Amino acid sequence: HQVQDRNGHTVVCPPKTESSVRTLALD
């Protein structure tokens, strides 16, 4: 998911695209 500013509120919403849902390796 992601967080965006909308109409003066911070909201949780789906990621930008389907491929944005992903697993990242951490160093």
mmCIF file of all heavy atoms, coordinates in Angstrom:
data_MODEL
# 
_entry.id   MODEL 
# 
loop_
_atom_site.group_PDB 
_atom_site.id 
_atom_site.type_symbol 
_atom_site.label_atom_id 
_atom_site.label_alt_id 
_atom_site.label_comp_id 
_atom_site.label_asym_id 
_atom_site.label_entity_id 
_atom_site.label_seq_id 
_atom_site.pdbx_PDB_ins_code 
_atom_site.Cartn_x 
_atom_site.Cartn_y 
_atom_site.Cartn_z 
_atom_site.occupancy 
_atom_site.B_iso_or_equiv 
_atom_site.pdbx_formal_charge 
_atom_site.auth_seq_id 
_atom_site.auth_comp_id 
_atom_site.auth_asym_id 
_atom_site.auth_atom_id 
_atom_site.pdbx_PDB_model_num 
ATOM 1   N N   . HIS A 1 1  ? 0.855   -1.188 0.000   1.00 0.00 ? 1  HIS A N   1 
ATOM 2   C CA  . HIS A 1 1  ? 0.000   0.000  0.000   1.00 0.00 ? 1  HIS A CA  1 
ATOM 3   C C   . HIS A 1 1  ? 0.891   1.238  0.000   1.00 0.00 ? 1  HIS A C   1 
ATOM 4   O O   . HIS A 1 1  ? 2.127   1.134  0.070   1.00 0.00 ? 1  HIS A O   1 
ATOM 5   C CB  . HIS A 1 1  ? -0.928  -0.012 1.227   1.00 0.00 ? 1  HIS A CB  1 
ATOM 6   C CG  . HIS A 1 1  ? -0.164  0.036  2.514   1.00 0.00 ? 1  HIS A CG  1 
ATOM 7   N ND1 . HIS A 1 1  ? 0.389   -1.089 3.086   1.00 0.00 ? 1  HIS A ND1 1 
ATOM 8   C CD2 . HIS A 1 1  ? 0.173   1.068  3.311   1.00 0.00 ? 1  HIS A CD2 1 
ATOM 9   C CE1 . HIS A 1 1  ? 1.032   -0.737 4.190   1.00 0.00 ? 1  HIS A CE1 1 
ATOM 10  N NE2 . HIS A 1 1  ? 0.914   0.561  4.345   1.00 0.00 ? 1  HIS A NE2 1 
ATOM 11  N N   . GLN A 1 2  ? 0.288   2.390  -0.077  1.00 0.00 ? 2  GLN A N   1 
ATOM 12  C CA  . GLN A 1 2  ? 1.034   3.641  0.017   1.00 0.00 ? 2  GLN A CA  1 
ATOM 13  C C   . GLN A 1 2  ? 0.199   4.668  0.776   1.00 0.00 ? 2  GLN A C   1 
ATOM 14  O O   . GLN A 1 2  ? -0.980  4.446  1.055   1.00 0.00 ? 2  GLN A O   1 
ATOM 15  C CB  . GLN A 1 2  ? 1.388   4.170  -1.372  1.00 0.00 ? 2  GLN A CB  1 
ATOM 16  C CG  . GLN A 1 2  ? 0.184   4.545  -2.215  1.00 0.00 ? 2  GLN A CG  1 
ATOM 17  C CD  . GLN A 1 2  ? 0.556   5.232  -3.511  1.00 0.00 ? 2  GLN A CD  1 
ATOM 18  O OE1 . GLN A 1 2  ? 1.578   5.924  -3.585  1.00 0.00 ? 2  GLN A OE1 1 
ATOM 19  N NE2 . GLN A 1 2  ? -0.260  5.068  -4.538  1.00 0.00 ? 2  GLN A NE2 1 
ATOM 20  N N   . VAL A 1 3  ? 0.839   5.798  1.105   1.00 0.00 ? 3  VAL A N   1 
ATOM 21  C CA  . VAL A 1 3  ? 0.158   6.890  1.789   1.00 0.00 ? 3  VAL A CA  1 
ATOM 22  C C   . VAL A 1 3  ? 0.199   8.110  0.875   1.00 0.00 ? 3  VAL A C   1 
ATOM 23  O O   . VAL A 1 3  ? 1.226   8.375  0.250   1.00 0.00 ? 3  VAL A O   1 
ATOM 24  C CB  . VAL A 1 3  ? 0.858   7.194  3.139   1.00 0.00 ? 3  VAL A CB  1 
ATOM 25  C CG1 . VAL A 1 3  ? 0.339   8.465  3.746   1.00 0.00 ? 3  VAL A CG1 1 
ATOM 26  C CG2 . VAL A 1 3  ? 0.662   6.035  4.105   1.00 0.00 ? 3  VAL A CG2 1 
ATOM 27  N N   . GLN A 1 4  ? -0.911  8.832  0.781   1.00 0.00 ? 4  GLN A N   1 
ATOM 28  C CA  . GLN A 1 4  ? -0.979  10.041 -0.048  1.00 0.00 ? 4  GLN A CA  1 
ATOM 29  C C   . GLN A 1 4  ? -1.677  11.166 0.699   1.00 0.00 ? 4  GLN A C   1 
ATOM 30  O O   . GLN A 1 4  ? -2.460  10.917 1.625   1.00 0.00 ? 4  GLN A O   1 
ATOM 31  C CB  . GLN A 1 4  ? -1.731  9.762  -1.360  1.00 0.00 ? 4  GLN A CB  1 
ATOM 32  C CG  . GLN A 1 4  ? -0.965  8.917  -2.347  1.00 0.00 ? 4  GLN A CG  1 
ATOM 33  C CD  . GLN A 1 4  ? -1.695  8.803  -3.688  1.00 0.00 ? 4  GLN A CD  1 
ATOM 34  O OE1 . GLN A 1 4  ? -2.868  9.119  -3.800  1.00 0.00 ? 4  GLN A OE1 1 
ATOM 35  N NE2 . GLN A 1 4  ? -0.971  8.349  -4.694  1.00 0.00 ? 4  GLN A NE2 1 
ATOM 36  N N   . ASP A 1 5  ? -1.375  12.402 0.281   1.00 0.00 ? 5  ASP A N   1 
ATOM 37  C CA  . ASP A 1 5  ? -2.079  13.573 0.804   1.00 0.00 ? 5  ASP A CA  1 
ATOM 38  C C   . ASP A 1 5  ? -3.247  13.869 -0.140  1.00 0.00 ? 5  ASP A C   1 
ATOM 39  O O   . ASP A 1 5  ? -3.036  14.084 -1.341  1.00 0.00 ? 5  ASP A O   1 
ATOM 40  C CB  . ASP A 1 5  ? -1.136  14.783 0.854   1.00 0.00 ? 5  ASP A CB  1 
ATOM 41  C CG  . ASP A 1 5  ? -0.025  14.596 1.883   1.00 0.00 ? 5  ASP A CG  1 
ATOM 42  O OD1 . ASP A 1 5  ? -0.303  14.011 2.947   1.00 0.00 ? 5  ASP A OD1 1 
ATOM 43  O OD2 . ASP A 1 5  ? 1.110   15.038 1.631   1.00 0.00 ? 5  ASP A OD2 1 
ATOM 44  N N   . ARG A 1 6  ? -4.466  13.847 0.407   1.00 0.00 ? 6  ARG A N   1 
ATOM 45  C CA  . ARG A 1 6  ? -5.652  14.136 -0.412  1.00 0.00 ? 6  ARG A CA  1 
ATOM 46  C C   . ARG A 1 6  ? -6.591  15.077 0.336   1.00 0.00 ? 6  ARG A C   1 
ATOM 47  O O   . ARG A 1 6  ? -7.047  14.748 1.432   1.00 0.00 ? 6  ARG A O   1 
ATOM 48  C CB  . ARG A 1 6  ? -6.405  12.849 -0.755  1.00 0.00 ? 6  ARG A CB  1 
ATOM 49  C CG  . ARG A 1 6  ? -5.670  11.958 -1.746  1.00 0.00 ? 6  ARG A CG  1 
ATOM 50  C CD  . ARG A 1 6  ? -6.521  10.752 -2.099  1.00 0.00 ? 6  ARG A CD  1 
ATOM 51  N NE  . ARG A 1 6  ? -5.801  9.830  -2.968  1.00 0.00 ? 6  ARG A NE  1 
ATOM 52  C CZ  . ARG A 1 6  ? -6.204  8.602  -3.264  1.00 0.00 ? 6  ARG A CZ  1 
ATOM 53  N NH1 . ARG A 1 6  ? -7.317  8.141  -2.728  1.00 0.00 ? 6  ARG A NH1 1 
ATOM 54  N NH2 . ARG A 1 6  ? -5.509  7.829  -4.067  1.00 0.00 ? 6  ARG A NH2 1 
ATOM 55  N N   . ASN A 1 7  ? -6.838  16.224 -0.277  1.00 0.00 ? 7  ASN A N   1 
ATOM 56  C CA  . ASN A 1 7  ? -7.768  17.218 0.301   1.00 0.00 ? 7  ASN A CA  1 
ATOM 57  C C   . ASN A 1 7  ? -7.446  17.538 1.759   1.00 0.00 ? 7  ASN A C   1 
ATOM 58  O O   . ASN A 1 7  ? -8.340  17.586 2.617   1.00 0.00 ? 7  ASN A O   1 
ATOM 59  C CB  . ASN A 1 7  ? -9.221  16.727 0.189   1.00 0.00 ? 7  ASN A CB  1 
ATOM 60  C CG  . ASN A 1 7  ? -9.620  16.414 -1.240  1.00 0.00 ? 7  ASN A CG  1 
ATOM 61  O OD1 . ASN A 1 7  ? -9.271  17.154 -2.159  1.00 0.00 ? 7  ASN A OD1 1 
ATOM 62  N ND2 . ASN A 1 7  ? -10.336 15.314 -1.437  1.00 0.00 ? 7  ASN A ND2 1 
ATOM 63  N N   . GLY A 1 8  ? -6.153  17.700 2.030   1.00 0.00 ? 8  GLY A N   1 
ATOM 64  C CA  . GLY A 1 8  ? -5.738  18.082 3.383   1.00 0.00 ? 8  GLY A CA  1 
ATOM 65  C C   . GLY A 1 8  ? -5.676  16.932 4.367   1.00 0.00 ? 8  GLY A C   1 
ATOM 66  O O   . GLY A 1 8  ? -5.438  17.134 5.561   1.00 0.00 ? 8  GLY A O   1 
ATOM 67  N N   . HIS A 1 9  ? -5.887  15.723 3.889   1.00 0.00 ? 9  HIS A N   1 
ATOM 68  C CA  . HIS A 1 9  ? -5.824  14.544 4.767   1.00 0.00 ? 9  HIS A CA  1 
ATOM 69  C C   . HIS A 1 9  ? -4.776  13.561 4.249   1.00 0.00 ? 9  HIS A C   1 
ATOM 70  O O   . HIS A 1 9  ? -4.545  13.456 3.046   1.00 0.00 ? 9  HIS A O   1 
ATOM 71  C CB  . HIS A 1 9  ? -7.180  13.830 4.825   1.00 0.00 ? 9  HIS A CB  1 
ATOM 72  C CG  . HIS A 1 9  ? -8.268  14.678 5.401   1.00 0.00 ? 9  HIS A CG  1 
ATOM 73  N ND1 . HIS A 1 9  ? -8.400  14.913 6.743   1.00 0.00 ? 9  HIS A ND1 1 
ATOM 74  C CD2 . HIS A 1 9  ? -9.282  15.357 4.788   1.00 0.00 ? 9  HIS A CD2 1 
ATOM 75  C CE1 . HIS A 1 9  ? -9.438  15.693 6.954   1.00 0.00 ? 9  HIS A CE1 1 
ATOM 76  N NE2 . HIS A 1 9  ? -9.996  15.988 5.776   1.00 0.00 ? 9  HIS A NE2 1 
ATOM 77  N N   . THR A 1 10 ? -4.157  12.848 5.177   1.00 0.00 ? 10 THR A N   1 
ATOM 78  C CA  . THR A 1 10 ? -3.208  11.796 4.812   1.00 0.00 ? 10 THR A CA  1 
ATOM 79  C C   . THR A 1 10 ? -3.962  10.473 4.833   1.00 0.00 ? 10 THR A C   1 
ATOM 80  O O   . THR A 1 10 ? -4.511  10.091 5.868   1.00 0.00 ? 10 THR A O   1 
ATOM 81  C CB  . THR A 1 10 ? -2.030  11.752 5.800   1.00 0.00 ? 10 THR A CB  1 
ATOM 82  O OG1 . THR A 1 10 ? -1.392  13.034 5.805   1.00 0.00 ? 10 THR A OG1 1 
ATOM 83  C CG2 . THR A 1 10 ? -1.007  10.709 5.407   1.00 0.00 ? 10 THR A CG2 1 
ATOM 84  N N   . VAL A 1 11 ? -4.016  9.820  3.681   1.00 0.00 ? 11 VAL A N   1 
ATOM 85  C CA  . VAL A 1 11 ? -4.816  8.595  3.573   1.00 0.00 ? 11 VAL A CA  1 
ATOM 86  C C   . VAL A 1 11 ? -3.977  7.424  3.089   1.00 0.00 ? 11 VAL A C   1 
ATOM 87  O O   . VAL A 1 11 ? -3.003  7.591  2.352   1.00 0.00 ? 11 VAL A O   1 
ATOM 88  C CB  . VAL A 1 11 ? -6.008  8.795  2.600   1.00 0.00 ? 11 VAL A CB  1 
ATOM 89  C CG1 . VAL A 1 11 ? -6.957  9.851  3.138   1.00 0.00 ? 11 VAL A CG1 1 
ATOM 90  C CG2 . VAL A 1 11 ? -5.537  9.161  1.200   1.00 0.00 ? 11 VAL A CG2 1 
ATOM 91  N N   . VAL A 1 12 ? -4.351  6.229  3.529   1.00 0.00 ? 12 VAL A N   1 
ATOM 92  C CA  . VAL A 1 12 ? -3.726  4.987  3.068   1.00 0.00 ? 12 VAL A CA  1 
ATOM 93  C C   . VAL A 1 12 ? -4.516  4.510  1.860   1.00 0.00 ? 12 VAL A C   1 
ATOM 94  O O   . VAL A 1 12 ? -5.752  4.461  1.895   1.00 0.00 ? 12 VAL A O   1 
ATOM 95  C CB  . VAL A 1 12 ? -3.742  3.904  4.177   1.00 0.00 ? 12 VAL A CB  1 
ATOM 96  C CG1 . VAL A 1 12 ? -3.152  2.601  3.661   1.00 0.00 ? 12 VAL A CG1 1 
ATOM 97  C CG2 . VAL A 1 12 ? -2.983  4.389  5.404   1.00 0.00 ? 12 VAL A CG2 1 
ATOM 98  N N   . CYS A 1 13 ? -3.823  4.177  0.792   1.00 0.00 ? 13 CYS A N   1 
ATOM 99  C CA  . CYS A 1 13 ? -4.499  3.740  -0.428  1.00 0.00 ? 13 CYS A CA  1 
ATOM 100 C C   . CYS A 1 13 ? -3.679  2.659  -1.137  1.00 0.00 ? 13 CYS A C   1 
ATOM 101 O O   . CYS A 1 13 ? -2.528  2.390  -0.754  1.00 0.00 ? 13 CYS A O   1 
ATOM 102 C CB  . CYS A 1 13 ? -4.734  4.929  -1.354  1.00 0.00 ? 13 CYS A CB  1 
ATOM 103 S SG  . CYS A 1 13 ? -3.260  5.896  -1.714  1.00 0.00 ? 13 CYS A SG  1 
ATOM 104 N N   . PRO A 1 14 ? -4.255  2.044  -2.174  1.00 0.00 ? 14 PRO A N   1 
ATOM 105 C CA  . PRO A 1 14 ? -3.509  1.000  -2.902  1.00 0.00 ? 14 PRO A CA  1 
ATOM 106 C C   . PRO A 1 14 ? -2.261  1.580  -3.564  1.00 0.00 ? 14 PRO A C   1 
ATOM 107 O O   . PRO A 1 14 ? -2.180  2.787  -3.805  1.00 0.00 ? 14 PRO A O   1 
ATOM 108 C CB  . PRO A 1 14 ? -4.513  0.518  -3.961  1.00 0.00 ? 14 PRO A CB  1 
ATOM 109 C CG  . PRO A 1 14 ? -5.846  0.948  -3.460  1.00 0.00 ? 14 PRO A CG  1 
ATOM 110 C CD  . PRO A 1 14 ? -5.618  2.211  -2.693  1.00 0.00 ? 14 PRO A CD  1 
ATOM 111 N N   . PRO A 1 15 ? -1.306  0.722  -3.895  1.00 0.00 ? 15 PRO A N   1 
ATOM 112 C CA  . PRO A 1 15 ? -0.097  1.183  -4.580  1.00 0.00 ? 15 PRO A CA  1 
ATOM 113 C C   . PRO A 1 15 ? -0.420  1.759  -5.957  1.00 0.00 ? 15 PRO A C   1 
ATOM 114 O O   . PRO A 1 15 ? -1.537  1.619  -6.459  1.00 0.00 ? 15 PRO A O   1 
ATOM 115 C CB  . PRO A 1 15 ? 0.760   -0.078 -4.712  1.00 0.00 ? 15 PRO A CB  1 
ATOM 116 C CG  . PRO A 1 15 ? 0.174   -1.041 -3.763  1.00 0.00 ? 15 PRO A CG  1 
ATOM 117 C CD  . PRO A 1 15 ? -1.269  -0.705 -3.644  1.00 0.00 ? 15 PRO A CD  1 
ATOM 118 N N   . LYS A 1 16 ? 0.574   2.401  -6.564  1.00 0.00 ? 16 LYS A N   1 
ATOM 119 C CA  . LYS A 1 16 ? 0.395   3.080  -7.848  1.00 0.00 ? 16 LYS A CA  1 
ATOM 120 C C   . LYS A 1 16 ? -0.092  2.133  -8.947  1.00 0.00 ? 16 LYS A C   1 
ATOM 121 O O   . LYS A 1 16 ? -1.008  2.461  -9.701  1.00 0.00 ? 16 LYS A O   1 
ATOM 122 C CB  . LYS A 1 16 ? 1.718   3.727  -8.253  1.00 0.00 ? 16 LYS A CB  1 
ATOM 123 C CG  . LYS A 1 16 ? 1.637   4.612  -9.477  1.00 0.00 ? 16 LYS A CG  1 
ATOM 124 C CD  . LYS A 1 16 ? 2.972   5.299  -9.733  1.00 0.00 ? 16 LYS A CD  1 
ATOM 125 C CE  . LYS A 1 16 ? 2.891   6.159  -10.982 1.00 0.00 ? 16 LYS A CE  1 
ATOM 126 N NZ  . LYS A 1 16 ? 4.186   6.819  -11.271 1.00 0.00 ? 16 LYS A NZ  1 
ATOM 127 N N   . THR A 1 17 ? 0.522   0.961  -9.053  1.00 0.00 ? 17 THR A N   1 
ATOM 128 C CA  . THR A 1 17 ? 0.145   -0.021 -10.076 1.00 0.00 ? 17 THR A CA  1 
ATOM 129 C C   . THR A 1 17 ? 0.160   -1.418 -9.454  1.00 0.00 ? 17 THR A C   1 
ATOM 130 O O   . THR A 1 17 ? 0.640   -1.600 -8.331  1.00 0.00 ? 17 THR A O   1 
ATOM 131 C CB  . THR A 1 17 ? 1.141   -0.016 -11.262 1.00 0.00 ? 17 THR A CB  1 
ATOM 132 O OG1 . THR A 1 17 ? 2.435   -0.418 -10.772 1.00 0.00 ? 17 THR A OG1 1 
ATOM 133 C CG2 . THR A 1 17 ? 1.266   1.362  -11.905 1.00 0.00 ? 17 THR A CG2 1 
ATOM 134 N N   . GLU A 1 18 ? -0.315  -2.398 -10.197 1.00 0.00 ? 18 GLU A N   1 
ATOM 135 C CA  . GLU A 1 18 ? -0.281  -3.797 -9.721  1.00 0.00 ? 18 GLU A CA  1 
ATOM 136 C C   . GLU A 1 18 ? 1.150   -4.258 -9.474  1.00 0.00 ? 18 GLU A C   1 
ATOM 137 O O   . GLU A 1 18 ? 1.423   -4.996 -8.538  1.00 0.00 ? 18 GLU A O   1 
ATOM 138 C CB  . GLU A 1 18 ? -0.946  -4.711 -10.751 1.00 0.00 ? 18 GLU A CB  1 
ATOM 139 C CG  . GLU A 1 18 ? -2.462  -4.698 -10.703 1.00 0.00 ? 18 GLU A CG  1 
ATOM 140 C CD  . GLU A 1 18 ? -3.080  -5.706 -11.654 1.00 0.00 ? 18 GLU A CD  1 
ATOM 141 O OE1 . GLU A 1 18 ? -2.413  -6.693 -11.999 1.00 0.00 ? 18 GLU A OE1 1 
ATOM 142 O OE2 . GLU A 1 18 ? -4.239  -5.487 -12.050 1.00 0.00 ? 18 GLU A OE2 1 
ATOM 143 N N   . SER A 1 19 ? 2.063   -3.833 -10.348 1.00 0.00 ? 19 SER A N   1 
ATOM 144 C CA  . SER A 1 19 ? 3.469   -4.252 -10.203 1.00 0.00 ? 19 SER A CA  1 
ATOM 145 C C   . SER A 1 19 ? 4.163   -3.548 -9.038  1.00 0.00 ? 19 SER A C   1 
ATOM 146 O O   . SER A 1 19 ? 5.268   -3.921 -8.659  1.00 0.00 ? 19 SER A O   1 
ATOM 147 C CB  . SER A 1 19 ? 4.240   -3.997 -11.503 1.00 0.00 ? 19 SER A CB  1 
ATOM 148 O OG  . SER A 1 19 ? 4.086   -2.665 -11.920 1.00 0.00 ? 19 SER A OG  1 
ATOM 149 N N   . SER A 1 20 ? 3.480   -2.524 -8.479  1.00 0.00 ? 20 SER A N   1 
ATOM 150 C CA  . SER A 1 20 ? 4.052   -1.844 -7.304  1.00 0.00 ? 20 SER A CA  1 
ATOM 151 C C   . SER A 1 20 ? 3.967   -2.718 -6.061  1.00 0.00 ? 20 SER A C   1 
ATOM 152 O O   . SER A 1 20 ? 4.703   -2.510 -5.097  1.00 0.00 ? 20 SER A O   1 
ATOM 153 C CB  . SER A 1 20 ? 3.326   -0.519 -7.052  1.00 0.00 ? 20 SER A CB  1 
ATOM 154 O OG  . SER A 1 20 ? 3.487   0.360  -8.137  1.00 0.00 ? 20 SER A OG  1 
ATOM 155 N N   . VAL A 1 21 ? 3.049   -3.688 -6.072  1.00 0.00 ? 21 VAL A N   1 
ATOM 156 C CA  . VAL A 1 21 ? 2.974   -4.650 -4.964  1.00 0.00 ? 21 VAL A CA  1 
ATOM 157 C C   . VAL A 1 21 ? 4.133   -5.617 -5.154  1.00 0.00 ? 21 VAL A C   1 
ATOM 158 O O   . VAL A 1 21 ? 4.179   -6.365 -6.127  1.00 0.00 ? 21 VAL A O   1 
ATOM 159 C CB  . VAL A 1 21 ? 1.625   -5.413 -4.981  1.00 0.00 ? 21 VAL A CB  1 
ATOM 160 C CG1 . VAL A 1 21 ? 1.602   -6.472 -3.882  1.00 0.00 ? 21 VAL A CG1 1 
ATOM 161 C CG2 . VAL A 1 21 ? 0.465   -4.447 -4.837  1.00 0.00 ? 21 VAL A CG2 1 
ATOM 162 N N   . ARG A 1 22 ? 5.083   -5.586 -4.220  1.00 0.00 ? 22 ARG A N   1 
ATOM 163 C CA  . ARG A 1 22 ? 6.310   -6.359 -4.425  1.00 0.00 ? 22 ARG A CA  1 
ATOM 164 C C   . ARG A 1 22 ? 6.998   -6.616 -3.099  1.00 0.00 ? 22 ARG A C   1 
ATOM 165 O O   . ARG A 1 22 ? 6.686   -5.989 -2.084  1.00 0.00 ? 22 ARG A O   1 
ATOM 166 C CB  . ARG A 1 22 ? 7.258   -5.618 -5.376  1.00 0.00 ? 22 ARG A CB  1 
ATOM 167 C CG  . ARG A 1 22 ? 7.719   -4.268 -4.872  1.00 0.00 ? 22 ARG A CG  1 
ATOM 168 C CD  . ARG A 1 22 ? 8.190   -3.380 -6.024  1.00 0.00 ? 22 ARG A CD  1 
ATOM 169 N NE  . ARG A 1 22 ? 8.824   -2.136 -5.575  1.00 0.00 ? 22 ARG A NE  1 
ATOM 170 C CZ  . ARG A 1 22 ? 8.162   -1.053 -5.206  1.00 0.00 ? 22 ARG A CZ  1 
ATOM 171 N NH1 . ARG A 1 22 ? 6.842   -1.051 -5.163  1.00 0.00 ? 22 ARG A NH1 1 
ATOM 172 N NH2 . ARG A 1 22 ? 8.820   0.045  -4.829  1.00 0.00 ? 22 ARG A NH2 1 
ATOM 173 N N   . THR A 1 23 ? 7.964   -7.518 -3.139  1.00 0.00 ? 23 THR A N   1 
ATOM 174 C CA  . THR A 1 23 ? 8.787   -7.815 -1.977  1.00 0.00 ? 23 THR A CA  1 
ATOM 175 C C   . THR A 1 23 ? 10.207  -7.363 -2.284  1.00 0.00 ? 23 THR A C   1 
ATOM 176 O O   . THR A 1 23 ? 10.761  -7.712 -3.323  1.00 0.00 ? 23 THR A O   1 
ATOM 177 C CB  . THR A 1 23 ? 8.774   -9.330 -1.671  1.00 0.00 ? 23 THR A CB  1 
ATOM 178 O OG1 . THR A 1 23 ? 7.417   -9.729 -1.442  1.00 0.00 ? 23 THR A OG1 1 
ATOM 179 C CG2 . THR A 1 23 ? 9.609   -9.643 -0.444  1.00 0.00 ? 23 THR A CG2 1 
ATOM 180 N N   . LEU A 1 24 ? 10.770  -6.569 -1.386  1.00 0.00 ? 24 LEU A N   1 
ATOM 181 C CA  . LEU A 1 24 ? 12.122  -6.055 -1.586  1.00 0.00 ? 24 LEU A CA  1 
ATOM 182 C C   . LEU A 1 24 ? 13.084  -6.701 -0.596  1.00 0.00 ? 24 LEU A C   1 
ATOM 183 O O   . LEU A 1 24 ? 12.763  -6.850 0.588   1.00 0.00 ? 24 LEU A O   1 
ATOM 184 C CB  . LEU A 1 24 ? 12.150  -4.532 -1.384  1.00 0.00 ? 24 LEU A CB  1 
ATOM 185 C CG  . LEU A 1 24 ? 11.347  -3.680 -2.367  1.00 0.00 ? 24 LEU A CG  1 
ATOM 186 C CD1 . LEU A 1 24 ? 11.441  -2.210 -1.983  1.00 0.00 ? 24 LEU A CD1 1 
ATOM 187 C CD2 . LEU A 1 24 ? 11.842  -3.885 -3.787  1.00 0.00 ? 24 LEU A CD2 1 
ATOM 188 N N   . ALA A 1 25 ? 14.257  -7.059 -1.098  1.00 0.00 ? 25 ALA A N   1 
ATOM 189 C CA  . ALA A 1 25 ? 15.307  -7.592 -0.219  1.00 0.00 ? 25 ALA A CA  1 
ATOM 190 C C   . ALA A 1 25 ? 15.968  -6.431 0.516   1.00 0.00 ? 25 ALA A C   1 
ATOM 191 O O   . ALA A 1 25 ? 16.121  -5.340 -0.029  1.00 0.00 ? 25 ALA A O   1 
ATOM 192 C CB  . ALA A 1 25 ? 16.345  -8.340 -1.059  1.00 0.00 ? 25 ALA A CB  1 
ATOM 193 N N   . LEU A 1 26 ? 16.345  -6.663 1.760   1.00 0.00 ? 26 LEU A N   1 
ATOM 194 C CA  . LEU A 1 26 ? 17.004  -5.636 2.574   1.00 0.00 ? 26 LEU A CA  1 
ATOM 195 C C   . LEU A 1 26 ? 18.461  -6.025 2.810   1.00 0.00 ? 26 LEU A C   1 
ATOM 196 O O   . LEU A 1 26 ? 18.759  -7.189 3.074   1.00 0.00 ? 26 LEU A O   1 
ATOM 197 C CB  . LEU A 1 26 ? 16.285  -5.500 3.925   1.00 0.00 ? 26 LEU A CB  1 
ATOM 198 C CG  . LEU A 1 26 ? 14.788  -5.169 3.865   1.00 0.00 ? 26 LEU A CG  1 
ATOM 199 C CD1 . LEU A 1 26 ? 14.187  -5.210 5.261   1.00 0.00 ? 26 LEU A CD1 1 
ATOM 200 C CD2 . LEU A 1 26 ? 14.552  -3.808 3.218   1.00 0.00 ? 26 LEU A CD2 1 
ATOM 201 N N   . ASP A 1 27 ? 19.351  -5.048 2.728   1.00 0.00 ? 27 ASP A N   1 
ATOM 202 C CA  . ASP A 1 27 ? 20.772  -5.330 2.966   1.00 0.00 ? 27 ASP A CA  1 
ATOM 203 C C   . ASP A 1 27 ? 21.061  -5.324 4.470   1.00 0.00 ? 27 ASP A C   1 
ATOM 204 O O   . ASP A 1 27 ? 20.250  -4.846 5.272   1.00 0.00 ? 27 ASP A O   1 
ATOM 205 C CB  . ASP A 1 27 ? 21.657  -4.313 2.240   1.00 0.00 ? 27 ASP A CB  1 
ATOM 206 C CG  . ASP A 1 27 ? 21.459  -2.906 2.788   1.00 0.00 ? 27 ASP A CG  1 
ATOM 207 O OD1 . ASP A 1 27 ? 22.087  -2.573 3.809   1.00 0.00 ? 27 ASP A OD1 1 
ATOM 208 O OD2 . ASP A 1 27 ? 20.660  -2.145 2.202   1.00 0.00 ? 27 ASP A OD2 1 
# 
